[in-house]
Structures are given as structure tokens and as C-alpha cells.
Amino acid sequence: MDEKIKNTIINYKSSPNKDLEKAMSFLNEDFEKTKELIIKLTEHLDGLEVSYNNILKEYQKRTKHR
């Protein structure tokens, strides 16, 4: 994050409209990117859970009769 945008976020009440627009644009883009990453990571985590559960069930079947 650029220093000027950080400054605008901290001092938004005294920042000019042009700087507010730049900060809003940056924050909106960052929000969308973060949201996409969270969705992708959630899907990945769900897939890991399914794989783990499948392997655990198979392992339990194999070791049940020992």
C-alpha cells in the first residue's frame, strides 16, 4: 500500500476528494481480491476435508479387524 493512500485512510476527514477517490478505488480493489482469495481458499479447504475424510474411512475399515 502506497504511503499516500495510507495517509488518506488515516486522515480521511482532512483529505481532498481526489485522494478519497483514489483510496476508495484501492480499498475496493483490495476488497474484491481478498474476497476472491477467501473463496478459493475455502474451496481448497473443503476439498482437503473431503479427501481426508475419504482416506480416514478407508484406513478405519482396514484397521477395524486387526
N, C-alpha and C. Protein backbone atom coordinates (compact mmCIF):
# COMPACT_ATOMS: atom_id res chain seq x y z
N MET A 1 0.85 -1.17 0.00
CA MET A 1 0.00 0.00 0.00
C MET A 1 0.89 1.23 0.00
N ASP A 2 0.59 2.11 -0.85
CA ASP A 2 1.33 3.36 -1.02
C ASP A 2 1.13 4.27 0.21
N GLU A 3 2.17 5.02 0.57
CA GLU A 3 2.13 5.89 1.75
C GLU A 3 1.00 6.92 1.67
N LYS A 4 0.79 7.46 0.48
CA LYS A 4 -0.25 8.49 0.33
C LYS A 4 -1.63 7.90 0.61
N ILE A 5 -1.87 6.68 0.15
CA ILE A 5 -3.16 6.03 0.41
C ILE A 5 -3.30 5.74 1.91
N LYS A 6 -2.22 5.27 2.54
CA LYS A 6 -2.26 5.04 3.99
C LYS A 6 -2.62 6.33 4.72
N ASN A 7 -1.98 7.40 4.31
CA ASN A 7 -2.22 8.71 4.91
C ASN A 7 -3.67 9.13 4.73
N THR A 8 -4.20 8.92 3.53
CA THR A 8 -5.59 9.29 3.25
C THR A 8 -6.54 8.47 4.11
N ILE A 9 -6.25 7.19 4.28
CA ILE A 9 -7.11 6.33 5.11
C ILE A 9 -7.10 6.81 6.56
N ILE A 10 -5.94 7.19 7.04
CA ILE A 10 -5.82 7.66 8.42
C ILE A 10 -6.45 9.05 8.59
N ASN A 11 -6.18 9.92 7.64
CA ASN A 11 -6.62 11.33 7.74
C ASN A 11 -7.72 11.65 6.75
N TYR A 12 -8.67 10.76 6.60
CA TYR A 12 -9.70 10.93 5.58
C TYR A 12 -10.54 12.20 5.75
N LYS A 13 -10.71 12.66 6.98
CA LYS A 13 -11.55 13.84 7.19
C LYS A 13 -10.93 15.11 6.61
N SER A 14 -9.62 15.13 6.53
CA SER A 14 -8.96 16.33 6.03
C SER A 14 -8.35 16.14 4.63
N SER A 15 -8.63 15.00 3.98
CA SER A 15 -8.06 14.72 2.65
C SER A 15 -8.98 15.27 1.56
N PRO A 16 -8.36 15.72 0.46
CA PRO A 16 -9.18 16.21 -0.67
C PRO A 16 -9.94 15.06 -1.34
N ASN A 17 -11.01 15.41 -2.03
CA ASN A 17 -11.86 14.42 -2.68
C ASN A 17 -11.08 13.53 -3.64
N LYS A 18 -10.13 14.10 -4.36
CA LYS A 18 -9.34 13.32 -5.31
C LYS A 18 -8.61 12.18 -4.59
N ASP A 19 -8.04 12.48 -3.43
CA ASP A 19 -7.33 11.46 -2.65
C ASP A 19 -8.32 10.44 -2.09
N LEU A 20 -9.51 10.91 -1.68
CA LEU A 20 -10.53 9.99 -1.19
C LEU A 20 -10.95 9.01 -2.28
N GLU A 21 -11.08 9.51 -3.50
CA GLU A 21 -11.45 8.65 -4.63
C GLU A 21 -10.38 7.59 -4.88
N LYS A 22 -9.12 8.00 -4.83
CA LYS A 22 -8.02 7.03 -5.02
C LYS A 22 -8.03 5.98 -3.92
N ALA A 23 -8.24 6.42 -2.69
CA ALA A 23 -8.26 5.48 -1.56
C ALA A 23 -9.44 4.53 -1.68
N MET A 24 -10.60 5.05 -2.06
CA MET A 24 -11.78 4.17 -2.22
C MET A 24 -11.55 3.16 -3.33
N SER A 25 -10.94 3.59 -4.41
CA SER A 25 -10.66 2.68 -5.52
C SER A 25 -9.70 1.57 -5.06
N PHE A 26 -8.64 1.98 -4.36
CA PHE A 26 -7.69 1.00 -3.85
C PHE A 26 -8.36 0.01 -2.91
N LEU A 27 -9.14 0.53 -1.96
CA LEU A 27 -9.80 -0.33 -0.98
C LEU A 27 -10.80 -1.27 -1.64
N ASN A 28 -11.52 -0.78 -2.63
CA ASN A 28 -12.48 -1.62 -3.33
C ASN A 28 -11.77 -2.76 -4.08
N GLU A 29 -10.68 -2.43 -4.76
CA GLU A 29 -9.92 -3.46 -5.48
C GLU A 29 -9.34 -4.48 -4.50
N ASP A 30 -8.80 -3.99 -3.38
CA ASP A 30 -8.22 -4.88 -2.39
C ASP A 30 -9.30 -5.78 -1.79
N PHE A 31 -10.47 -5.23 -1.53
CA PHE A 31 -11.59 -6.00 -1.00
C PHE A 31 -11.97 -7.12 -1.97
N GLU A 32 -12.10 -6.80 -3.25
CA GLU A 32 -12.50 -7.81 -4.24
C GLU A 32 -11.45 -8.91 -4.37
N LYS A 33 -10.18 -8.53 -4.39
CA LYS A 33 -9.11 -9.52 -4.48
C LYS A 33 -9.10 -10.43 -3.25
N THR A 34 -9.27 -9.83 -2.08
CA THR A 34 -9.29 -10.59 -0.84
C THR A 34 -10.47 -11.55 -0.82
N LYS A 35 -11.63 -11.07 -1.26
CA LYS A 35 -12.83 -11.91 -1.31
C LYS A 35 -12.61 -13.11 -2.23
N GLU A 36 -12.02 -12.87 -3.40
CA GLU A 36 -11.73 -13.97 -4.34
C GLU A 36 -10.79 -14.99 -3.71
N LEU A 37 -9.75 -14.51 -3.03
CA LEU A 37 -8.80 -15.41 -2.39
C LEU A 37 -9.47 -16.24 -1.30
N ILE A 38 -10.33 -15.63 -0.53
CA ILE A 38 -11.03 -16.35 0.53
C ILE A 38 -11.91 -17.43 -0.06
N ILE A 39 -12.60 -17.12 -1.15
CA ILE A 39 -13.46 -18.12 -1.80
C ILE A 39 -12.62 -19.28 -2.32
N LYS A 40 -11.50 -18.97 -2.98
CA LYS A 40 -10.63 -20.04 -3.49
C LYS A 40 -10.07 -20.89 -2.36
N LEU A 41 -9.65 -20.24 -1.28
CA LEU A 41 -9.10 -20.99 -0.15
C LEU A 41 -10.17 -21.83 0.53
N THR A 42 -11.39 -21.33 0.60
CA THR A 42 -12.49 -22.10 1.18
C THR A 42 -12.76 -23.34 0.35
N GLU A 43 -12.78 -23.19 -0.98
CA GLU A 43 -12.98 -24.34 -1.86
C GLU A 43 -11.85 -25.36 -1.69
N HIS A 44 -10.63 -24.86 -1.58
CA HIS A 44 -9.48 -25.75 -1.39
C HIS A 44 -9.59 -26.49 -0.06
N LEU A 45 -9.94 -25.77 0.98
CA LEU A 45 -10.09 -26.37 2.30
C LEU A 45 -11.19 -27.43 2.30
N ASP A 46 -12.29 -27.16 1.62
CA ASP A 46 -13.38 -28.14 1.51
C ASP A 46 -12.89 -29.40 0.81
N GLY A 47 -12.11 -29.24 -0.24
CA GLY A 47 -11.57 -30.39 -0.96
C GLY A 47 -10.62 -31.21 -0.10
N LEU A 48 -9.80 -30.52 0.69
CA LEU A 48 -8.89 -31.22 1.60
C LEU A 48 -9.67 -32.02 2.64
N GLU A 49 -10.74 -31.44 3.13
CA GLU A 49 -11.55 -32.12 4.13
C GLU A 49 -12.19 -33.38 3.56
N VAL A 50 -12.70 -33.30 2.34
CA VAL A 50 -13.31 -34.46 1.69
C VAL A 50 -12.26 -35.56 1.50
N SER A 51 -11.09 -35.17 0.99
CA SER A 51 -10.03 -36.16 0.78
C SER A 51 -9.60 -36.81 2.09
N TYR A 52 -9.42 -36.01 3.11
CA TYR A 52 -9.01 -36.55 4.41
C TYR A 52 -10.06 -37.52 4.93
N ASN A 53 -11.32 -37.12 4.87
CA ASN A 53 -12.39 -37.99 5.38
C ASN A 53 -12.47 -39.30 4.61
N ASN A 54 -12.29 -39.26 3.30
CA ASN A 54 -12.29 -40.49 2.48
C ASN A 54 -11.15 -41.41 2.89
N ILE A 55 -9.97 -40.85 3.06
CA ILE A 55 -8.81 -41.65 3.44
C ILE A 55 -8.98 -42.20 4.86
N LEU A 56 -9.51 -41.38 5.76
CA LEU A 56 -9.74 -41.83 7.13
C LEU A 56 -10.72 -43.00 7.17
N LYS A 57 -11.80 -42.91 6.43
CA LYS A 57 -12.78 -44.01 6.39
C LYS A 57 -12.14 -45.30 5.89
N GLU A 58 -11.35 -45.18 4.82
CA GLU A 58 -10.68 -46.36 4.26
C GLU A 58 -9.70 -46.94 5.29
N TYR A 59 -8.95 -46.09 5.93
CA TYR A 59 -7.99 -46.54 6.94
C TYR A 59 -8.70 -47.25 8.09
N GLN A 60 -9.82 -46.67 8.53
CA GLN A 60 -10.57 -47.28 9.62
C GLN A 60 -11.13 -48.64 9.24
N LYS A 61 -11.60 -48.76 7.99
CA LYS A 61 -12.09 -50.07 7.51
C LYS A 61 -10.97 -51.11 7.57
N ARG A 62 -9.78 -50.71 7.12
CA ARG A 62 -8.66 -51.64 7.05
C ARG A 62 -8.13 -52.03 8.43
N THR A 63 -8.22 -51.15 9.38
CA THR A 63 -7.65 -51.43 10.69
C THR A 63 -8.67 -51.90 11.71
N LYS A 64 -9.92 -51.97 11.33
CA LYS A 64 -11.01 -52.35 12.23
C LYS A 64 -10.89 -53.81 12.67
N HIS A 65 -10.46 -54.68 11.79
CA HIS A 65 -10.46 -56.12 12.07
C HIS A 65 -9.11 -56.62 12.58
N ARG A 66 -8.27 -55.77 13.00
CA ARG A 66 -6.93 -56.21 13.49
C ARG A 66 -7.00 -56.63 14.92
